[in-house]
């Protein structure tokens, strides 16, 4: 692995670890919000990000996820724009980790 790739991998790993810890935080009772994290893998970055988004919604509620899958909406919740870190998997697709703030309306 070249020096540049090793550095990128270390930085991405640090971000993912920090996001994972943030995703473990409980819901803030005052704002009714939580920061959630999820990961996904796919043949393209778009597919991996789709899987991340599904995971974010499932981490809140399987009902929320199913509402989004059927109608493209998240009734009762506000989902912030996810932030992603994606890495190519040595010719085997892309892995992404993402996090988003999800609030109950």
Protein backbone atom coordinates (compact mmCIF):
# COMPACT_ATOMS: atom_id res chain seq x y z
CA UNK A 1 0.00 0.00 0.00
CA UNK A 2 1.44 3.38 -0.93
CA UNK A 3 2.06 6.00 1.74
CA UNK A 4 -0.83 8.12 0.43
CA UNK A 5 -3.32 5.23 0.49
CA UNK A 6 -2.22 4.22 3.99
CA UNK A 7 -2.71 7.80 5.20
CA UNK A 8 -6.18 8.01 3.61
CA UNK A 9 -7.13 4.67 5.15
CA UNK A 10 -6.01 5.83 8.64
CA UNK A 11 -7.94 9.10 8.36
CA UNK A 12 -11.08 7.32 7.14
CA UNK A 13 -10.76 4.77 9.93
CA UNK A 14 -10.50 7.55 12.52
CA UNK A 15 -13.59 9.29 11.13
CA UNK A 16 -15.55 6.05 11.09
CA UNK A 17 -14.56 5.32 14.70
CA UNK A 18 -15.57 8.82 15.80
CA UNK A 19 -18.89 8.55 13.96
CA UNK A 20 -19.57 5.16 15.48
CA UNK A 21 -19.13 6.60 18.96
CA UNK A 22 -21.39 9.53 18.07
CA UNK A 23 -24.02 7.11 16.78
CA UNK A 24 -24.07 5.39 20.14
CA UNK A 25 -25.28 8.54 21.89
CA UNK A 26 -28.80 8.38 23.34
CA UNK A 27 -31.64 10.51 22.06
CA UNK A 28 -31.50 14.06 23.44
CA UNK A 29 -34.78 14.40 25.35
CA UNK A 30 -34.95 18.17 24.81
CA UNK A 31 -34.64 18.06 21.02
CA UNK A 32 -35.86 14.48 20.52
CA UNK A 33 -32.90 13.92 18.18
CA UNK A 34 -30.12 11.38 17.87
CA UNK A 35 -27.07 11.08 15.66
CA UNK A 36 -27.10 7.65 14.03
CA UNK A 37 -24.43 5.82 12.05
CA UNK A 38 -24.63 2.96 9.56
CA UNK A 39 -22.47 1.30 6.93
CA UNK A 40 -23.09 -0.24 3.55
CA UNK A 41 -21.27 -1.94 0.71
CA UNK A 42 -22.13 -2.16 -2.96
CA UNK A 43 -20.73 -2.39 -6.48
CA UNK A 44 -20.94 1.44 -6.77
CA UNK A 45 -20.80 4.35 -4.36
CA UNK A 46 -24.47 5.13 -4.99
CA UNK A 47 -25.52 1.61 -4.01
CA UNK A 48 -23.33 1.70 -0.87
CA UNK A 49 -24.82 5.08 0.14
CA UNK A 50 -28.33 3.72 -0.43
CA UNK A 51 -27.52 0.87 1.94
CA UNK A 52 -26.20 3.35 4.51
CA UNK A 53 -29.41 5.38 4.34
CA UNK A 54 -31.49 2.23 4.80
CA UNK A 55 -29.39 1.36 7.84
CA UNK A 56 -29.81 4.81 9.33
CA UNK A 57 -33.59 4.55 9.09
CA UNK A 58 -33.68 0.95 10.38
CA UNK A 59 -31.59 2.00 13.39
CA UNK A 60 -34.52 4.22 14.43
CA UNK A 61 -37.46 2.02 13.47
CA UNK A 62 -38.27 -0.75 11.01
CA UNK A 63 -41.58 1.07 10.45
CA UNK A 64 -39.73 4.25 9.47
CA UNK A 65 -37.59 2.27 7.05
CA UNK A 66 -40.61 0.55 5.47
CA UNK A 67 -42.49 3.87 5.08
CA UNK A 68 -39.48 5.30 3.25
CA UNK A 69 -39.09 2.20 1.05
CA UNK A 70 -42.77 2.30 0.03
CA UNK A 71 -43.41 6.03 -0.26
CA UNK A 72 -40.06 7.81 -0.10
CA UNK A 73 -41.13 9.72 3.02
CA UNK A 74 -40.22 9.60 6.70
CA UNK A 75 -43.46 10.54 8.48
CA UNK A 76 -42.97 11.69 12.05
CA UNK A 77 -39.21 12.18 11.62
CA UNK A 78 -36.80 14.74 10.18
CA UNK A 79 -33.71 13.10 8.72
CA UNK A 80 -30.67 15.34 8.27
CA UNK A 81 -28.50 15.07 5.18
CA UNK A 82 -26.10 12.18 5.78
CA UNK A 83 -22.34 12.73 5.80
CA UNK A 84 -20.48 9.84 4.17
CA UNK A 85 -16.95 8.41 4.14
CA UNK A 86 -16.51 5.97 1.24
CA UNK A 87 -13.56 3.78 0.29
CA UNK A 88 -13.01 1.60 -2.77
CA UNK A 89 -12.54 -2.08 -1.91
CA UNK A 90 -9.60 -3.17 -4.06
CA UNK A 91 -11.75 -3.82 -7.12
CA UNK A 92 -14.65 -5.32 -5.15
CA UNK A 93 -16.94 -2.30 -4.96
CA UNK A 94 -17.24 0.47 -2.42
CA UNK A 95 -17.82 0.55 1.34
CA UNK A 96 -19.38 3.62 2.94
CA UNK A 97 -20.09 4.69 6.48
CA UNK A 98 -22.48 7.54 7.09
CA UNK A 99 -24.09 9.44 9.88
CA UNK A 100 -27.12 11.69 10.13
CA UNK A 101 -29.09 13.51 12.78
CA UNK A 102 -32.61 12.07 13.01
CA UNK A 103 -35.28 13.93 14.97
CA UNK A 104 -38.76 12.89 16.00
CA UNK A 105 -41.29 15.51 14.88
